[in-house]
Amino acid sequence: MKMFLISDNIDTKIGMRLAGVDGVVVHGQEEALDVLKKAIADKETGIILITELIAAMLPDVISDIKLNYTKPLIVEIPDRHGTRRRPDHIMRSINEAIGIKL
């Protein structure tokens, strides 16, 4: 199994490459979708790391993959600028999932 990175900037790609993770830098929604489809088709890929900005471009596709595919695992990561998520995003997700506010 190997990991593959889909990033929106070169700095994240270089950092991951130093850790032994191969990847690409994409600059648009269509390019990101093409690269994601190729990564899914590669049977050797077990984990796809995708930056939050790219994942935000493809929310329906990412959700579909997470719900309907057993492999690969999609992991959204922050880029060099840090996370774009709200500080309470985990608690909000829990509240939405169970239907009550904790």
PDB file of N, CA and C in Angstrom:
ATOM      1  N   MET A   1       0.837  -1.190   0.000  1.00  0.00           N
ATOM      2  CA  MET A   1       0.000   0.000   0.000  1.00  0.00           C
ATOM      3  C   MET A   1       0.877   1.246   0.000  1.00  0.00           C
ATOM      4  N   LYS A   2       0.428   2.215  -0.744  1.00  0.00           N
ATOM      5  CA  LYS A   2       1.165   3.475  -0.764  1.00  0.00           C
ATOM      6  C   LYS A   2       0.209   4.636  -0.524  1.00  0.00           C
ATOM      7  N   MET A   3       0.797   5.765  -0.154  1.00  0.00           N
ATOM      8  CA  MET A   3       0.028   6.990   0.034  1.00  0.00           C
ATOM      9  C   MET A   3       0.282   7.895  -1.163  1.00  0.00           C
ATOM     10  N   PHE A   4      -0.717   8.743  -1.442  1.00  0.00           N
ATOM     11  CA  PHE A   4      -0.617   9.676  -2.554  1.00  0.00           C
ATOM     12  C   PHE A   4      -1.194  11.001  -2.101  1.00  0.00           C
ATOM     13  N   LEU A   5      -0.536  12.098  -2.444  1.00  0.00           N
ATOM     14  CA  LEU A   5      -0.948  13.437  -2.047  1.00  0.00           C
ATOM     15  C   LEU A   5      -1.509  14.214  -3.223  1.00  0.00           C
ATOM     16  N   ILE A   6      -2.639  14.877  -2.979  1.00  0.00           N
ATOM     17  CA  ILE A   6      -3.182  15.849  -3.934  1.00  0.00           C
ATOM     18  C   ILE A   6      -3.195  17.178  -3.197  1.00  0.00           C
ATOM     19  N   SER A   7      -2.362  18.106  -3.649  1.00  0.00           N
ATOM     20  CA  SER A   7      -2.149  19.356  -2.929  1.00  0.00           C
ATOM     21  C   SER A   7      -2.454  20.566  -3.804  1.00  0.00           C
ATOM     22  N   ASP A   8      -2.675  21.687  -3.141  1.00  0.00           N
ATOM     23  CA  ASP A   8      -2.896  22.943  -3.852  1.00  0.00           C
ATOM     24  C   ASP A   8      -1.647  23.816  -3.853  1.00  0.00           C
ATOM     25  N   ASN A   9      -0.571  23.355  -3.177  1.00  0.00           N
ATOM     26  CA  ASN A   9       0.651  24.155  -3.180  1.00  0.00           C
ATOM     27  C   ASN A   9       1.888  23.270  -3.139  1.00  0.00           C
ATOM     28  N   ILE A  10       2.972  23.806  -3.630  1.00  0.00           N
ATOM     29  CA  ILE A  10       4.224  23.060  -3.765  1.00  0.00           C
ATOM     30  C   ILE A  10       4.868  22.780  -2.408  1.00  0.00           C
ATOM     31  N   ASP A  11       4.680  23.652  -1.431  1.00  0.00           N
ATOM     32  CA  ASP A  11       5.307  23.467  -0.125  1.00  0.00           C
ATOM     33  C   ASP A  11       4.815  22.192   0.562  1.00  0.00           C
ATOM     34  N   THR A  12       3.526  21.945   0.491  1.00  0.00           N
ATOM     35  CA  THR A  12       2.970  20.730   1.086  1.00  0.00           C
ATOM     36  C   THR A  12       3.506  19.505   0.348  1.00  0.00           C
ATOM     37  N   LYS A  13       3.587  19.601  -0.960  1.00  0.00           N
ATOM     38  CA  LYS A  13       4.100  18.482  -1.748  1.00  0.00           C
ATOM     39  C   LYS A  13       5.549  18.178  -1.382  1.00  0.00           C
ATOM     40  N   ILE A  14       6.363  19.201  -1.249  1.00  0.00           N
ATOM     41  CA  ILE A  14       7.775  18.993  -0.908  1.00  0.00           C
ATOM     42  C   ILE A  14       7.901  18.375   0.480  1.00  0.00           C
ATOM     43  N   GLY A  15       7.135  18.878   1.438  1.00  0.00           N
ATOM     44  CA  GLY A  15       7.176  18.322   2.788  1.00  0.00           C
ATOM     45  C   GLY A  15       6.783  16.856   2.813  1.00  0.00           C
ATOM     46  N   MET A  16       5.743  16.505   2.094  1.00  0.00           N
ATOM     47  CA  MET A  16       5.307  15.118   2.051  1.00  0.00           C
ATOM     48  C   MET A  16       6.298  14.254   1.267  1.00  0.00           C
ATOM     49  N   ARG A  17       6.902  14.825   0.253  1.00  0.00           N
ATOM     50  CA  ARG A  17       7.891  14.068  -0.519  1.00  0.00           C
ATOM     51  C   ARG A  17       9.081  13.708   0.354  1.00  0.00           C
ATOM     52  N   LEU A  18       9.470  14.625   1.255  1.00  0.00           N
ATOM     53  CA  LEU A  18      10.554  14.328   2.192  1.00  0.00           C
ATOM     54  C   LEU A  18      10.186  13.176   3.123  1.00  0.00           C
ATOM     55  N   ALA A  19       8.895  12.982   3.353  1.00  0.00           N
ATOM     56  CA  ALA A  19       8.414  11.872   4.183  1.00  0.00           C
ATOM     57  C   ALA A  19       8.174  10.608   3.359  1.00  0.00           C
ATOM     58  N   GLY A  20       8.442  10.667   2.059  1.00  0.00           N
ATOM     59  CA  GLY A  20       8.305   9.495   1.209  1.00  0.00           C
ATOM     60  C   GLY A  20       6.962   9.355   0.520  1.00  0.00           C
ATOM     61  N   VAL A  21       6.143  10.408   0.557  1.00  0.00           N
ATOM     62  CA  VAL A  21       4.821  10.364  -0.067  1.00  0.00           C
ATOM     63  C   VAL A  21       4.879  11.073  -1.411  1.00  0.00           C
ATOM     64  N   ASP A  22       4.511  10.364  -2.469  1.00  0.00           N
ATOM     65  CA  ASP A  22       4.479  10.956  -3.797  1.00  0.00           C
ATOM     66  C   ASP A  22       3.172  11.722  -3.960  1.00  0.00           C
ATOM     67  N   GLY A  23       3.159  12.708  -4.834  1.00  0.00           N
ATOM     68  CA  GLY A  23       1.940  13.476  -5.037  1.00  0.00           C
ATOM     69  C   GLY A  23       2.042  14.459  -6.172  1.00  0.00           C
ATOM     70  N   VAL A  24       0.970  15.230  -6.326  1.00  0.00           N
ATOM     71  CA  VAL A  24       0.899  16.238  -7.378  1.00  0.00           C
ATOM     72  C   VAL A  24       0.316  17.524  -6.808  1.00  0.00           C
ATOM     73  N   VAL A  25       0.590  18.612  -7.517  1.00  0.00           N
ATOM     74  CA  VAL A  25      -0.008  19.908  -7.203  1.00  0.00           C
ATOM     75  C   VAL A  25      -1.014  20.195  -8.309  1.00  0.00           C
ATOM     76  N   VAL A  26      -2.248  20.508  -7.922  1.00  0.00           N
ATOM     77  CA  VAL A  26      -3.291  20.815  -8.899  1.00  0.00           C
ATOM     78  C   VAL A  26      -3.746  22.260  -8.710  1.00  0.00           C
ATOM     79  N   HIS A  27      -4.301  22.832  -9.777  1.00  0.00           N
ATOM     80  CA  HIS A  27      -4.663  24.250  -9.741  1.00  0.00           C
ATOM     81  C   HIS A  27      -6.109  24.531 -10.121  1.00  0.00           C
ATOM     82  N   GLY A  28      -6.929  23.515 -10.147  1.00  0.00           N
ATOM     83  CA  GLY A  28      -8.323  23.750 -10.493  1.00  0.00           C
ATOM     84  C   GLY A  28      -9.165  22.525 -10.193  1.00  0.00           C
ATOM     85  N   GLN A  29     -10.467  22.725 -10.227  1.00  0.00           N
ATOM     86  CA  GLN A  29     -11.409  21.668  -9.887  1.00  0.00           C
ATOM     87  C   GLN A  29     -11.336  20.495 -10.869  1.00  0.00           C
ATOM     88  N   GLU A  30     -11.302  20.780 -12.145  1.00  0.00           N
ATOM     89  CA  GLU A  30     -11.265  19.707 -13.141  1.00  0.00           C
ATOM     90  C   GLU A  30      -9.970  18.903 -13.056  1.00  0.00           C
ATOM     91  N   GLU A  31      -8.859  19.596 -12.888  1.00  0.00           N
ATOM     92  CA  GLU A  31      -7.573  18.919 -12.752  1.00  0.00           C
ATOM     93  C   GLU A  31      -7.558  18.061 -11.486  1.00  0.00           C
ATOM     94  N   ALA A  32      -8.109  18.597 -10.394  1.00  0.00           N
ATOM     95  CA  ALA A  32      -8.174  17.846  -9.141  1.00  0.00           C
ATOM     96  C   ALA A  32      -9.024  16.593  -9.299  1.00  0.00           C
ATOM     97  N   LEU A  33     -10.139  16.715  -9.982  1.00  0.00           N
ATOM     98  CA  LEU A  33     -11.024  15.566 -10.193  1.00  0.00           C
ATOM     99  C   LEU A  33     -10.338  14.493 -11.046  1.00  0.00           C
ATOM    100  N   ASP A  34      -9.629  14.894 -12.079  1.00  0.00           N
ATOM    101  CA  ASP A  34      -8.907  13.933 -12.923  1.00  0.00           C
ATOM    102  C   ASP A  34      -7.840  13.187 -12.128  1.00  0.00           C
ATOM    103  N   VAL A  35      -7.074  13.915 -11.339  1.00  0.00           N
ATOM    104  CA  VAL A  35      -6.014  13.289 -10.539  1.00  0.00           C
ATOM    105  C   VAL A  35      -6.622  12.360  -9.483  1.00  0.00           C
ATOM    106  N   LEU A  36      -7.720  12.774  -8.869  1.00  0.00           N
ATOM    107  CA  LEU A  36      -8.375  11.948  -7.862  1.00  0.00           C
ATOM    108  C   LEU A  36      -8.880  10.643  -8.472  1.00  0.00           C
ATOM    109  N   LYS A  37      -9.473  10.714  -9.647  1.00  0.00           N
ATOM    110  CA  LYS A  37      -9.958   9.502 -10.326  1.00  0.00           C
ATOM    111  C   LYS A  37      -8.809   8.548 -10.639  1.00  0.00           C
ATOM    112  N   LYS A  38      -7.680   9.088 -11.084  1.00  0.00           N
ATOM    113  CA  LYS A  38      -6.521   8.248 -11.380  1.00  0.00           C
ATOM    114  C   LYS A  38      -5.968   7.610 -10.114  1.00  0.00           C
ATOM    115  N   ALA A  39      -5.949   8.374  -9.025  1.00  0.00           N
ATOM    116  CA  ALA A  39      -5.438   7.837  -7.758  1.00  0.00           C
ATOM    117  C   ALA A  39      -6.334   6.715  -7.232  1.00  0.00           C
ATOM    118  N   ILE A  40      -7.635   6.861  -7.395  1.00  0.00           N
ATOM    119  CA  ILE A  40      -8.566   5.821  -6.963  1.00  0.00           C
ATOM    120  C   ILE A  40      -8.407   4.566  -7.821  1.00  0.00           C
ATOM    121  N   ALA A  41      -8.161   4.747  -9.097  1.00  0.00           N
ATOM    122  CA  ALA A  41      -8.017   3.615 -10.015  1.00  0.00           C
ATOM    123  C   ALA A  41      -6.743   2.813  -9.752  1.00  0.00           C
ATOM    124  N   ASP A  42      -5.737   3.434  -9.153  1.00  0.00           N
ATOM    125  CA  ASP A  42      -4.487   2.746  -8.836  1.00  0.00           C
ATOM    126  C   ASP A  42      -4.704   1.837  -7.630  1.00  0.00           C
ATOM    127  N   LYS A  43      -4.660   0.548  -7.841  1.00  0.00           N
ATOM    128  CA  LYS A  43      -4.933  -0.431  -6.785  1.00  0.00           C
ATOM    129  C   LYS A  43      -3.866  -0.451  -5.701  1.00  0.00           C
ATOM    130  N   GLU A  44      -2.700   0.107  -5.965  1.00  0.00           N
ATOM    131  CA  GLU A  44      -1.629   0.162  -4.973  1.00  0.00           C
ATOM    132  C   GLU A  44      -1.847   1.283  -3.947  1.00  0.00           C
ATOM    133  N   THR A  45      -2.673   2.258  -4.275  1.00  0.00           N
ATOM    134  CA  THR A  45      -2.899   3.391  -3.388  1.00  0.00           C
ATOM    135  C   THR A  45      -3.889   3.014  -2.298  1.00  0.00           C
ATOM    136  N   GLY A  46      -3.448   3.106  -1.043  1.00  0.00           N
ATOM    137  CA  GLY A  46      -4.305   2.788   0.095  1.00  0.00           C
ATOM    138  C   GLY A  46      -4.823   4.016   0.802  1.00  0.00           C
ATOM    139  N   ILE A  47      -4.050   5.104   0.746  1.00  0.00           N
ATOM    140  CA  ILE A  47      -4.444   6.351   1.410  1.00  0.00           C
ATOM    141  C   ILE A  47      -4.196   7.509   0.454  1.00  0.00           C
ATOM    142  N   ILE A  48      -5.202   8.353   0.301  1.00  0.00           N
ATOM    143  CA  ILE A  48      -5.057   9.579  -0.476  1.00  0.00           C
ATOM    144  C   ILE A  48      -5.122  10.748   0.496  1.00  0.00           C
ATOM    145  N   LEU A  49      -4.039  11.502   0.572  1.00  0.00           N
ATOM    146  CA  LEU A  49      -4.007  12.725   1.366  1.00  0.00           C
ATOM    147  C   LEU A  49      -4.409  13.862   0.446  1.00  0.00           C
ATOM    148  N   ILE A  50      -5.348  14.674   0.894  1.00  0.00           N
ATOM    149  CA  ILE A  50      -5.831  15.761   0.055  1.00  0.00           C
ATOM    150  C   ILE A  50      -5.937  17.017   0.927  1.00  0.00           C
ATOM    151  N   THR A  51      -5.414  18.121   0.432  1.00  0.00           N
ATOM    152  CA  THR A  51      -5.467  19.347   1.226  1.00  0.00           C
ATOM    153  C   THR A  51      -6.909  19.839   1.333  1.00  0.00           C
ATOM    154  N   GLU A  52      -7.198  20.538   2.411  1.00  0.00           N
ATOM    155  CA  GLU A  52      -8.563  21.007   2.676  1.00  0.00           C
ATOM    156  C   GLU A  52      -9.111  21.874   1.545  1.00  0.00           C
ATOM    157  N   LEU A  53      -8.262  22.689   0.954  1.00  0.00           N
ATOM    158  CA  LEU A  53      -8.712  23.564  -0.128  1.00  0.00           C
ATOM    159  C   LEU A  53      -9.169  22.752  -1.342  1.00  0.00           C
ATOM    160  N   ILE A  54      -8.428  21.720  -1.690  1.00  0.00           N
ATOM    161  CA  ILE A  54      -8.818  20.860  -2.809  1.00  0.00           C
ATOM    162  C   ILE A  54     -10.071  20.073  -2.450  1.00  0.00           C
ATOM    163  N   ALA A  55     -10.146  19.577  -1.234  1.00  0.00           N
ATOM    164  CA  ALA A  55     -11.335  18.830  -0.805  1.00  0.00           C
ATOM    165  C   ALA A  55     -12.575  19.719  -0.841  1.00  0.00           C
ATOM    166  N   ALA A  56     -12.409  21.005  -0.552  1.00  0.00           N
ATOM    167  CA  ALA A  56     -13.543  21.937  -0.603  1.00  0.00           C
ATOM    168  C   ALA A  56     -14.029  22.156  -2.036  1.00  0.00           C
ATOM    169  N   MET A  57     -13.164  21.923  -3.012  1.00  0.00           N
ATOM    170  CA  MET A  57     -13.557  22.042  -4.419  1.00  0.00           C
ATOM    171  C   MET A  57     -14.418  20.853  -4.862  1.00  0.00           C
ATOM    172  N   LEU A  58     -14.277  19.718  -4.177  1.00  0.00           N
ATOM    173  CA  LEU A  58     -14.935  18.478  -4.588  1.00  0.00           C
ATOM    174  C   LEU A  58     -15.714  17.832  -3.444  1.00  0.00           C
ATOM    175  N   PRO A  59     -16.563  18.564  -2.750  1.00  0.00           N
ATOM    176  CA  PRO A  59     -17.203  17.993  -1.556  1.00  0.00           C
ATOM    177  C   PRO A  59     -18.090  16.782  -1.842  1.00  0.00           C
ATOM    178  N   ASP A  60     -18.851  16.819  -2.932  1.00  0.00           N
ATOM    179  CA  ASP A  60     -19.742  15.698  -3.245  1.00  0.00           C
ATOM    180  C   ASP A  60     -18.959  14.459  -3.652  1.00  0.00           C
ATOM    181  N   VAL A  61     -17.907  14.650  -4.407  1.00  0.00           N
ATOM    182  CA  VAL A  61     -17.083  13.520  -4.846  1.00  0.00           C
ATOM    183  C   VAL A  61     -16.381  12.877  -3.650  1.00  0.00           C
ATOM    184  N   ILE A  62     -15.822  13.698  -2.776  1.00  0.00           N
ATOM    185  CA  ILE A  62     -15.133  13.193  -1.585  1.00  0.00           C
ATOM    186  C   ILE A  62     -16.105  12.426  -0.700  1.00  0.00           C
ATOM    187  N   SER A  63     -17.292  12.977  -0.483  1.00  0.00           N
ATOM    188  CA  SER A  63     -18.300  12.293   0.329  1.00  0.00           C
ATOM    189  C   SER A  63     -18.693  10.954  -0.281  1.00  0.00           C
ATOM    190  N   ASP A  64     -18.870  10.924  -1.595  1.00  0.00           N
ATOM    191  CA  ASP A  64     -19.226   9.686  -2.275  1.00  0.00           C
ATOM    192  C   ASP A  64     -18.151   8.622  -2.103  1.00  0.00           C
ATOM    193  N   ILE A  65     -16.905   9.012  -2.231  1.00  0.00           N
ATOM    194  CA  ILE A  65     -15.799   8.063  -2.075  1.00  0.00           C
ATOM    195  C   ILE A  65     -15.757   7.540  -0.645  1.00  0.00           C
ATOM    196  N   LYS A  66     -15.895   8.437   0.331  1.00  0.00           N
ATOM    197  CA  LYS A  66     -15.845   8.015   1.729  1.00  0.00           C
ATOM    198  C   LYS A  66     -16.985   7.062   2.089  1.00  0.00           C
ATOM    199  N   LEU A  67     -18.145   7.266   1.492  1.00  0.00           N
ATOM    200  CA  LEU A  67     -19.305   6.434   1.813  1.00  0.00           C
ATOM    201  C   LEU A  67     -19.356   5.124   1.034  1.00  0.00           C
ATOM    202  N   ASN A  68     -18.874   5.105  -0.185  1.00  0.00           N
ATOM    203  CA  ASN A  68     -19.095   3.959  -1.055  1.00  0.00           C
ATOM    204  C   ASN A  68     -17.867   3.116  -1.389  1.00  0.00           C
ATOM    205  N   TYR A  69     -16.686   3.565  -1.032  1.00  0.00           N
ATOM    206  CA  TYR A  69     -15.476   2.820  -1.340  1.00  0.00           C
ATOM    207  C   TYR A  69     -14.828   2.343  -0.039  1.00  0.00           C
ATOM    208  N   THR A  70     -14.323   1.117  -0.055  1.00  0.00           N
ATOM    209  CA  THR A  70     -13.578   0.643   1.112  1.00  0.00           C
ATOM    210  C   THR A  70     -12.121   1.053   1.026  1.00  0.00           C
ATOM    211  N   LYS A  71     -11.606   1.183  -0.182  1.00  0.00           N
ATOM    212  CA  LYS A  71     -10.251   1.632  -0.427  1.00  0.00           C
ATOM    213  C   LYS A  71     -10.275   2.601  -1.580  1.00  0.00           C
ATOM    214  N   PRO A  72      -9.538   3.612  -1.584  1.00  0.00           N
ATOM    215  CA  PRO A  72      -8.583   4.101  -0.603  1.00  0.00           C
ATOM    216  C   PRO A  72      -9.251   4.957   0.478  1.00  0.00           C
ATOM    217  N   LEU A  73      -8.522   5.147   1.536  1.00  0.00           N
ATOM    218  CA  LEU A  73      -8.956   6.040   2.607  1.00  0.00           C
ATOM    219  C   LEU A  73      -8.607   7.466   2.193  1.00  0.00           C
ATOM    220  N   ILE A  74      -9.572   8.379   2.308  1.00  0.00           N
ATOM    221  CA  ILE A  74      -9.344   9.792   1.983  1.00  0.00           C
ATOM    222  C   ILE A  74      -9.114  10.547   3.291  1.00  0.00           C
ATOM    223  N   VAL A  75      -7.979  11.230   3.394  1.00  0.00           N
ATOM    224  CA  VAL A  75      -7.652  12.001   4.592  1.00  0.00           C
ATOM    225  C   VAL A  75      -7.436  13.451   4.182  1.00  0.00           C
ATOM    226  N   GLU A  76      -8.254  14.344   4.738  1.00  0.00           N
ATOM    227  CA  GLU A  76      -8.099  15.773   4.458  1.00  0.00           C
ATOM    228  C   GLU A  76      -7.085  16.348   5.433  1.00  0.00           C
ATOM    229  N   ILE A  77      -6.099  17.053   4.882  1.00  0.00           N
ATOM    230  CA  ILE A  77      -5.041  17.628   5.714  1.00  0.00           C
ATOM    231  C   ILE A  77      -4.965  19.138   5.501  1.00  0.00           C
ATOM    232  N   PRO A  78      -4.525  19.883   6.516  1.00  0.00           N
ATOM    233  CA  PRO A  78      -4.315  21.320   6.312  1.00  0.00           C
ATOM    234  C   PRO A  78      -3.069  21.538   5.463  1.00  0.00           C
ATOM    235  N   ASP A  79      -2.978  22.700   4.855  1.00  0.00           N
ATOM    236  CA  ASP A  79      -1.779  23.013   4.082  1.00  0.00           C
ATOM    237  C   ASP A  79      -0.834  23.851   4.940  1.00  0.00           C
ATOM    238  N   ARG A  80       0.131  24.471   4.335  1.00  0.00           N
ATOM    239  CA  ARG A  80       1.140  25.233   5.083  1.00  0.00           C
ATOM    240  C   ARG A  80       0.559  26.424   5.832  1.00  0.00           C
ATOM    241  N   HIS A  81      -0.615  26.882   5.444  1.00  0.00           N
ATOM    242  CA  HIS A  81      -1.239  28.018   6.104  1.00  0.00           C
ATOM    243  C   HIS A  81      -2.078  27.604   7.304  1.00  0.00           C
ATOM    244  N   GLY A  82      -2.180  26.317   7.556  1.00  0.00           N
ATOM    245  CA  GLY A  82      -2.978  25.818   8.669  1.00  0.00           C
ATOM    246  C   GLY A  82      -4.373  25.423   8.211  1.00  0.00           C
ATOM    247  N   THR A  83      -5.173  25.012   9.161  1.00  0.00           N
ATOM    248  CA  THR A  83      -6.504  24.527   8.846  1.00  0.00           C
ATOM    249  C   THR A  83      -7.449  25.660   8.470  1.00  0.00           C
ATOM    250  N   ARG A  84      -8.405  25.347   7.630  1.00  0.00           N
ATOM    251  CA  ARG A  84      -9.435  26.306   7.230  1.00  0.00           C
ATOM    252  C   ARG A  84     -10.744  26.012   7.954  1.00  0.00           C
ATOM    253  N   ARG A  85     -10.734  24.991   8.786  1.00  0.00           N
ATOM    254  CA  ARG A  85     -11.942  24.603   9.501  1.00  0.00           C
ATOM    255  C   ARG A  85     -12.144  25.477  10.727  1.00  0.00           C
ATOM    256  N   ARG A  86     -13.393  25.560  11.142  1.00  0.00           N
ATOM    257  CA  ARG A  86     -13.708  26.294  12.369  1.00  0.00           C
ATOM    258  C   ARG A  86     -13.156  25.529  13.564  1.00  0.00           C
ATOM    259  N   PRO A  87     -12.831  26.223  14.635  1.00  0.00           N
ATOM    260  CA  PRO A  87     -12.279  25.537  15.812  1.00  0.00           C
ATOM    261  C   PRO A  87     -13.223  24.487  16.409  1.00  0.00           C
ATOM    262  N   ASP A  88     -14.520  24.654  16.218  1.00  0.00           N
ATOM    263  CA  ASP A  88     -15.479  23.712  16.809  1.00  0.00           C
ATOM    264  C   ASP A  88     -16.037  22.725  15.780  1.00  0.00           C
ATOM    265  N   HIS A  89     -15.312  22.459  14.696  1.00  0.00           N
ATOM    266  CA  HIS A  89     -15.863  21.622  13.629  1.00  0.00           C
ATOM    267  C   HIS A  89     -16.140  20.185  14.079  1.00  0.00           C
ATOM    268  N   ILE A  90     -15.350  19.660  15.003  1.00  0.00           N
ATOM    269  CA  ILE A  90     -15.600  18.290  15.473  1.00  0.00           C
ATOM    270  C   ILE A  90     -16.879  18.246  16.300  1.00  0.00           C
ATOM    271  N   MET A  91     -17.058  19.192  17.204  1.00  0.00           N
ATOM    272  CA  MET A  91     -18.267  19.224  18.026  1.00  0.00           C
ATOM    273  C   MET A  91     -19.505  19.466  17.165  1.00  0.00           C
ATOM    274  N   ARG A  92     -19.405  20.320  16.167  1.00  0.00           N
ATOM    275  CA  ARG A  92     -20.540  20.548  15.268  1.00  0.00           C
ATOM    276  C   ARG A  92     -20.913  19.280  14.512  1.00  0.00           C
ATOM    277  N   SER A  93     -19.908  18.531  14.069  1.00  0.00           N
ATOM    278  CA  SER A  93     -20.181  17.275  13.363  1.00  0.00           C
ATOM    279  C   SER A  93     -20.875  16.271  14.268  1.00  0.00           C
ATOM    280  N   ILE A  94     -20.441  16.191  15.506  1.00  0.00           N
ATOM    281  CA  ILE A  94     -21.076  15.285  16.468  1.00  0.00           C
ATOM    282  C   ILE A  94     -22.511  15.710  16.722  1.00  0.00           C
ATOM    283  N   ASN A  95     -22.724  16.991  16.929  1.00  0.00           N
ATOM    284  CA  ASN A  95     -24.081  17.500  17.171  1.00  0.00           C
ATOM    285  C   ASN A  95     -25.003  17.214  15.990  1.00  0.00           C
ATOM    286  N   GLU A  96     -24.509  17.374  14.778  1.00  0.00           N
ATOM    287  CA  GLU A  96     -25.311  17.106  13.595  1.00  0.00           C
ATOM    288  C   GLU A  96     -25.609  15.608  13.456  1.00  0.00           C
ATOM    289  N   ALA A  97     -24.633  14.782  13.821  1.00  0.00           N
ATOM    290  CA  ALA A  97     -24.802  13.330  13.667  1.00  0.00           C
ATOM    291  C   ALA A  97     -25.834  12.767  14.639  1.00  0.00           C
ATOM    292  N   ILE A  98     -25.814  13.262  15.885  1.00  0.00           N
ATOM    293  CA  ILE A  98     -26.744  12.696  16.860  1.00  0.00           C
ATOM    294  C   ILE A  98     -28.019  13.518  17.024  1.00  0.00           C
ATOM    295  N   GLY A  99     -28.040  14.712  16.480  1.00  0.00           N
ATOM    296  CA  GLY A  99     -29.250  15.505  16.479  1.00  0.00           C
ATOM    297  C   GLY A  99     -29.537  16.303  17.735  1.00  0.00           C
ATOM    298  N   ILE A 100     -28.607  16.316  18.682  1.00  0.00           N
ATOM    299  CA  ILE A 100     -28.769  17.128  19.876  1.00  0.00           C
ATOM    300  C   ILE A 100     -27.491  17.894  20.153  1.00  0.00           C
ATOM    301  N   LYS A 101     -27.636  18.986  20.878  1.00  0.00           N
ATOM    302  CA  LYS A 101     -26.456  19.782  21.188  1.00  0.00           C
ATOM    303  C   LYS A 101     -25.870  19.298  22.504  1.00  0.00           C
ATOM    304  N   LEU A 102     -24.579  19.008  22.491  1.00  0.00           N
ATOM    305  CA  LEU A 102     -23.902  18.543  23.706  1.00  0.00           C
ATOM    306  C   LEU A 102     -23.316  19.707  24.472  1.00  0.00           C
TER     307      LEU A 102
END
